[in-house]
Amino acid sequence: MAADAEVEMRDRLGRVLALLQATPLPRDLIDNPDQTGQWLIALGNLNQAVTLLRPQPQMRPGAVLAAPTAYETRGERVIRAFHRMIEGLPLACLGNLSPVIKLGLLWPLLMDLEVLERRLLVLPATEVSPYTARVTQYRRDAAVMASRHVAPDPPLRPAASIPVP
């Protein structure tokens, strides 16, 4: 049984690595409206990678499973909500999305990929290291993108200055 799990995880890791290698995150991905298509591809590929790595519910004969959304990660829920919001919109509208919103859609998927790395512990470290390196690079690139959009926290008003009706 453990050997089957290892073979299945090795197969999933191979598919995920192929997806990640086909998904560059250039540093101007969220800032450049001309990169909107590449950003959507990255979003889809990262979402698919998360779906491949997350635990799948075990099918038992005669058992009723919870709704498929019960097993979603945070990133998958964010992407599902985003798809509902943009349904029917022309893709040209997405070029005007704020860079912060674009990064906000990528970020949960990157966090999911980091968390799901623990599932790969059944494999030898030499097989997992390319995945780890790619996810680390994505996180670094996303941090650089985020650093360009850092805004100071708004000043807080003292409690006494809030008018009471």
C-alpha atoms as a PDB file:
ATOM      1  CA  MET A   1       0.000   0.000   0.000  1.00  0.00           C
ATOM      2  CA  ALA A   2       2.832   2.418   0.851  1.00  0.00           C
ATOM      3  CA  ALA A   3       4.517   1.600  -2.455  1.00  0.00           C
ATOM      4  CA  ASP A   4       1.311   2.485  -4.318  1.00  0.00           C
ATOM      5  CA  ALA A   5       1.130   5.823  -2.502  1.00  0.00           C
ATOM      6  CA  GLU A   6       4.742   6.535  -3.382  1.00  0.00           C
ATOM      7  CA  VAL A   7       4.207   5.691  -7.061  1.00  0.00           C
ATOM      8  CA  GLU A   8       1.066   7.828  -7.198  1.00  0.00           C
ATOM      9  CA  MET A   9       2.798  10.753  -5.478  1.00  0.00           C
ATOM     10  CA  ARG A  10       5.802  10.445  -7.808  1.00  0.00           C
ATOM     11  CA  ASP A  11       3.419  10.609 -10.800  1.00  0.00           C
ATOM     12  CA  ARG A  12       1.643  13.655  -9.362  1.00  0.00           C
ATOM     13  CA  LEU A  13       4.954  15.353  -8.600  1.00  0.00           C
ATOM     14  CA  GLY A  14       6.073  14.818 -12.204  1.00  0.00           C
ATOM     15  CA  ARG A  15       2.900  16.446 -13.533  1.00  0.00           C
ATOM     16  CA  VAL A  16       3.160  19.309 -11.042  1.00  0.00           C
ATOM     17  CA  LEU A  17       6.817  19.944 -11.902  1.00  0.00           C
ATOM     18  CA  ALA A  18       5.924  20.082 -15.604  1.00  0.00           C
ATOM     19  CA  LEU A  19       3.206  22.640 -14.806  1.00  0.00           C
ATOM     20  CA  LEU A  20       5.520  24.733 -12.640  1.00  0.00           C
ATOM     21  CA  GLN A  21       8.311  24.692 -15.230  1.00  0.00           C
ATOM     22  CA  ALA A  22       5.817  25.964 -17.816  1.00  0.00           C
ATOM     23  CA  THR A  23       4.743  28.762 -15.471  1.00  0.00           C
ATOM     24  CA  PRO A  24       7.259  31.585 -15.178  1.00  0.00           C
ATOM     25  CA  LEU A  25       6.500  34.451 -12.801  1.00  0.00           C
ATOM     26  CA  PRO A  26       8.271  37.435 -14.384  1.00  0.00           C
ATOM     27  CA  ARG A  27       8.829  40.333 -12.011  1.00  0.00           C
ATOM     28  CA  ASP A  28       6.500  42.615 -14.010  1.00  0.00           C
ATOM     29  CA  LEU A  29       3.702  40.028 -14.165  1.00  0.00           C
ATOM     30  CA  ILE A  30       1.254  42.010 -12.019  1.00  0.00           C
ATOM     31  CA  ASP A  31       2.314  45.522 -13.074  1.00  0.00           C
ATOM     32  CA  ASN A  32       2.257  45.216 -16.840  1.00  0.00           C
ATOM     33  CA  PRO A  33      -1.239  45.120 -18.418  1.00  0.00           C
ATOM     34  CA  ASP A  34       0.349  43.405 -21.447  1.00  0.00           C
ATOM     35  CA  GLN A  35       1.129  40.434 -19.170  1.00  0.00           C
ATOM     36  CA  THR A  36      -2.536  39.836 -18.253  1.00  0.00           C
ATOM     37  CA  GLY A  37      -2.738  36.707 -20.413  1.00  0.00           C
ATOM     38  CA  GLN A  38       0.436  35.305 -18.850  1.00  0.00           C
ATOM     39  CA  TRP A  39      -0.935  36.176 -15.391  1.00  0.00           C
ATOM     40  CA  LEU A  40      -4.157  34.237 -16.122  1.00  0.00           C
ATOM     41  CA  ILE A  41      -2.135  31.261 -17.355  1.00  0.00           C
ATOM     42  CA  ALA A  42       0.007  31.363 -14.204  1.00  0.00           C
ATOM     43  CA  LEU A  43      -3.132  31.544 -12.070  1.00  0.00           C
ATOM     44  CA  GLY A  44      -4.650  28.522 -13.832  1.00  0.00           C
ATOM     45  CA  ASN A  45      -1.456  26.457 -13.734  1.00  0.00           C
ATOM     46  CA  LEU A  46      -0.811  27.149 -10.035  1.00  0.00           C
ATOM     47  CA  ASN A  47      -4.440  26.291  -9.252  1.00  0.00           C
ATOM     48  CA  GLN A  48      -4.114  23.035 -11.186  1.00  0.00           C
ATOM     49  CA  ALA A  49      -0.861  22.198  -9.348  1.00  0.00           C
ATOM     50  CA  VAL A  50      -2.576  22.721  -5.988  1.00  0.00           C
ATOM     51  CA  THR A  51      -5.478  20.520  -7.095  1.00  0.00           C
ATOM     52  CA  LEU A  52      -3.084  17.746  -8.129  1.00  0.00           C
ATOM     53  CA  LEU A  53      -1.218  17.786  -4.817  1.00  0.00           C
ATOM     54  CA  ARG A  54      -4.029  18.200  -2.320  1.00  0.00           C
ATOM     55  CA  PRO A  55      -5.418  15.104  -0.645  1.00  0.00           C
ATOM     56  CA  GLN A  56      -8.265  13.515  -2.521  1.00  0.00           C
ATOM     57  CA  PRO A  57     -11.190  11.994  -0.603  1.00  0.00           C
ATOM     58  CA  GLN A  58     -11.143   8.202  -0.475  1.00  0.00           C
ATOM     59  CA  MET A  59     -14.000   6.629  -2.390  1.00  0.00           C
ATOM     60  CA  ARG A  60     -15.771   3.914  -0.425  1.00  0.00           C
ATOM     61  CA  PRO A  61     -18.549   1.817  -1.925  1.00  0.00           C
ATOM     62  CA  GLY A  62     -21.911   3.112  -0.797  1.00  0.00           C
ATOM     63  CA  ALA A  63     -20.430   6.080   1.065  1.00  0.00           C
ATOM     64  CA  VAL A  64     -21.686   9.577   0.453  1.00  0.00           C
ATOM     65  CA  LEU A  65     -18.923  12.145   0.046  1.00  0.00           C
ATOM     66  CA  ALA A  66     -19.152  15.745   1.097  1.00  0.00           C
ATOM     67  CA  ALA A  67     -19.422  18.378  -1.599  1.00  0.00           C
ATOM     68  CA  PRO A  68     -16.207  18.705  -3.651  1.00  0.00           C
ATOM     69  CA  THR A  69     -15.723  22.178  -2.222  1.00  0.00           C
ATOM     70  CA  ALA A  70     -15.363  20.686   1.276  1.00  0.00           C
ATOM     71  CA  TYR A  71     -11.856  19.551   0.323  1.00  0.00           C
ATOM     72  CA  GLU A  72     -10.716  22.811  -1.287  1.00  0.00           C
ATOM     73  CA  THR A  73      -7.687  24.735  -0.140  1.00  0.00           C
ATOM     74  CA  ARG A  74      -7.862  28.458   0.555  1.00  0.00           C
ATOM     75  CA  GLY A  75      -6.284  29.273  -2.799  1.00  0.00           C
ATOM     76  CA  GLU A  76      -8.817  27.164  -4.661  1.00  0.00           C
ATOM     77  CA  ARG A  77     -11.698  28.911  -2.880  1.00  0.00           C
ATOM     78  CA  VAL A  78     -10.245  32.309  -3.805  1.00  0.00           C
ATOM     79  CA  ILE A  79      -9.883  31.296  -7.462  1.00  0.00           C
ATOM     80  CA  ARG A  80     -13.415  29.840  -7.560  1.00  0.00           C
ATOM     81  CA  ALA A  81     -14.823  33.111  -6.191  1.00  0.00           C
ATOM     82  CA  PHE A  82     -12.741  35.083  -8.717  1.00  0.00           C
ATOM     83  CA  HIS A  83     -14.099  32.969 -11.587  1.00  0.00           C
ATOM     84  CA  ARG A  84     -17.657  33.647 -10.426  1.00  0.00           C
ATOM     85  CA  MET A  85     -16.938  37.400 -10.327  1.00  0.00           C
ATOM     86  CA  ILE A  86     -15.462  37.614 -13.827  1.00  0.00           C
ATOM     87  CA  GLU A  87     -17.863  35.229 -15.536  1.00  0.00           C
ATOM     88  CA  GLY A  88     -19.046  36.824 -18.751  1.00  0.00           C
ATOM     89  CA  LEU A  89     -16.576  39.727 -18.668  1.00  0.00           C
ATOM     90  CA  PRO A  90     -14.361  40.292 -21.694  1.00  0.00           C
ATOM     91  CA  LEU A  91     -10.751  39.398 -20.904  1.00  0.00           C
ATOM     92  CA  ALA A  92      -9.711  42.915 -21.926  1.00  0.00           C
ATOM     93  CA  CYS A  93     -11.297  44.169 -18.679  1.00  0.00           C
ATOM     94  CA  LEU A  94      -8.819  42.165 -16.622  1.00  0.00           C
ATOM     95  CA  GLY A  95      -5.875  44.232 -17.858  1.00  0.00           C
ATOM     96  CA  ASN A  96      -7.099  47.062 -15.660  1.00  0.00           C
ATOM     97  CA  LEU A  97      -7.075  45.014 -12.460  1.00  0.00           C
ATOM     98  CA  SER A  98      -4.974  46.478  -9.687  1.00  0.00           C
ATOM     99  CA  PRO A  99      -1.546  44.837  -9.255  1.00  0.00           C
ATOM    100  CA  VAL A 100      -2.432  44.281  -5.608  1.00  0.00           C
ATOM    101  CA  ILE A 101      -5.541  42.306  -6.608  1.00  0.00           C
ATOM    102  CA  LYS A 102      -3.512  40.258  -9.098  1.00  0.00           C
ATOM    103  CA  LEU A 103      -0.939  39.458  -6.423  1.00  0.00           C
ATOM    104  CA  GLY A 104      -3.716  38.776  -3.921  1.00  0.00           C
ATOM    105  CA  LEU A 105      -5.015  36.043  -6.211  1.00  0.00           C
ATOM    106  CA  LEU A 106      -1.569  34.465  -6.691  1.00  0.00           C
ATOM    107  CA  TRP A 107      -0.499  34.613  -3.037  1.00  0.00           C
ATOM    108  CA  PRO A 108      -2.914  32.017  -1.529  1.00  0.00           C
ATOM    109  CA  LEU A 109      -1.984  29.530  -4.248  1.00  0.00           C
ATOM    110  CA  LEU A 110       1.714  29.995  -3.469  1.00  0.00           C
ATOM    111  CA  MET A 111       1.011  29.447   0.229  1.00  0.00           C
ATOM    112  CA  ASP A 112      -0.970  26.293  -0.620  1.00  0.00           C
ATOM    113  CA  LEU A 113       1.953  24.960  -2.671  1.00  0.00           C
ATOM    114  CA  GLU A 114       4.269  25.501   0.300  1.00  0.00           C
ATOM    115  CA  VAL A 115       1.902  23.702   2.671  1.00  0.00           C
ATOM    116  CA  LEU A 116       1.312  20.821   0.262  1.00  0.00           C
ATOM    117  CA  GLU A 117       5.052  20.199   0.091  1.00  0.00           C
ATOM    118  CA  ARG A 118       4.631  18.134   3.280  1.00  0.00           C
ATOM    119  CA  ARG A 119       2.617  15.606   1.293  1.00  0.00           C
ATOM    120  CA  LEU A 120       5.725  14.922  -0.777  1.00  0.00           C
ATOM    121  CA  LEU A 121       7.687  13.606   2.221  1.00  0.00           C
ATOM    122  CA  VAL A 122       6.962  10.035   1.100  1.00  0.00           C
ATOM    123  CA  LEU A 123       9.434  10.639  -1.737  1.00  0.00           C
ATOM    124  CA  PRO A 124      13.227  10.959  -1.496  1.00  0.00           C
ATOM    125  CA  ALA A 125      14.496  14.511  -0.918  1.00  0.00           C
ATOM    126  CA  THR A 126      16.366  14.449  -4.243  1.00  0.00           C
ATOM    127  CA  GLU A 127      13.068  14.095  -6.106  1.00  0.00           C
ATOM    128  CA  VAL A 128      11.340  16.822  -4.094  1.00  0.00           C
ATOM    129  CA  SER A 129      14.169  19.385  -4.259  1.00  0.00           C
ATOM    130  CA  PRO A 130      13.239  20.783  -7.737  1.00  0.00           C
ATOM    131  CA  TYR A 131       9.702  21.399  -6.460  1.00  0.00           C
ATOM    132  CA  THR A 132      11.005  23.071  -3.306  1.00  0.00           C
ATOM    133  CA  ALA A 133      13.380  25.250  -5.323  1.00  0.00           C
ATOM    134  CA  ARG A 134      10.627  26.348  -7.721  1.00  0.00           C
ATOM    135  CA  VAL A 135       8.147  27.180  -4.941  1.00  0.00           C
ATOM    136  CA  THR A 136      10.856  29.097  -3.051  1.00  0.00           C
ATOM    137  CA  GLN A 137      11.661  31.077  -6.209  1.00  0.00           C
ATOM    138  CA  TYR A 138       7.959  31.850  -6.742  1.00  0.00           C
ATOM    139  CA  ARG A 139       7.683  33.082  -3.163  1.00  0.00           C
ATOM    140  CA  ARG A 140      10.766  35.282  -3.619  1.00  0.00           C
ATOM    141  CA  ASP A 141       9.438  36.722  -6.890  1.00  0.00           C
ATOM    142  CA  ALA A 142       6.044  37.399  -5.321  1.00  0.00           C
ATOM    143  CA  ALA A 143       7.725  39.161  -2.381  1.00  0.00           C
ATOM    144  CA  VAL A 144       9.624  41.401  -4.823  1.00  0.00           C
ATOM    145  CA  MET A 145       6.360  42.198  -6.638  1.00  0.00           C
ATOM    146  CA  ALA A 146       4.680  42.961  -3.304  1.00  0.00           C
ATOM    147  CA  SER A 147       7.527  45.196  -2.142  1.00  0.00           C
ATOM    148  CA  ARG A 148       6.870  47.542  -5.061  1.00  0.00           C
ATOM    149  CA  HIS A 149       3.330  48.094  -3.799  1.00  0.00           C
ATOM    150  CA  VAL A 150       3.919  48.536  -0.097  1.00  0.00           C
ATOM    151  CA  ALA A 151       1.901  51.409   1.306  1.00  0.00           C
ATOM    152  CA  PRO A 152       2.277  52.857   4.782  1.00  0.00           C
ATOM    153  CA  ASP A 153      -0.396  51.936   7.287  1.00  0.00           C
ATOM    154  CA  PRO A 154      -2.955  54.703   7.666  1.00  0.00           C
ATOM    155  CA  PRO A 155      -2.606  56.702  10.881  1.00  0.00           C
ATOM    156  CA  LEU A 156      -4.941  55.587  13.607  1.00  0.00           C
ATOM    157  CA  ARG A 157      -7.154  58.151  15.264  1.00  0.00           C
ATOM    158  CA  PRO A 158      -7.051  58.242  19.045  1.00  0.00           C
ATOM    159  CA  ALA A 159     -10.195  56.773  20.602  1.00  0.00           C
ATOM    160  CA  ALA A 160     -11.194  60.101  22.150  1.00  0.00           C
ATOM    161  CA  SER A 161     -11.400  61.743  18.722  1.00  0.00           C
ATOM    162  CA  ILE A 162     -14.248  59.511  17.532  1.00  0.00           C
ATOM    163  CA  PRO A 163     -17.513  61.457  17.857  1.00  0.00           C
ATOM    164  CA  VAL A 164     -20.205  59.718  19.879  1.00  0.00           C
ATOM    165  CA  PRO A 165     -23.795  60.424  18.824  1.00  0.00           C
END
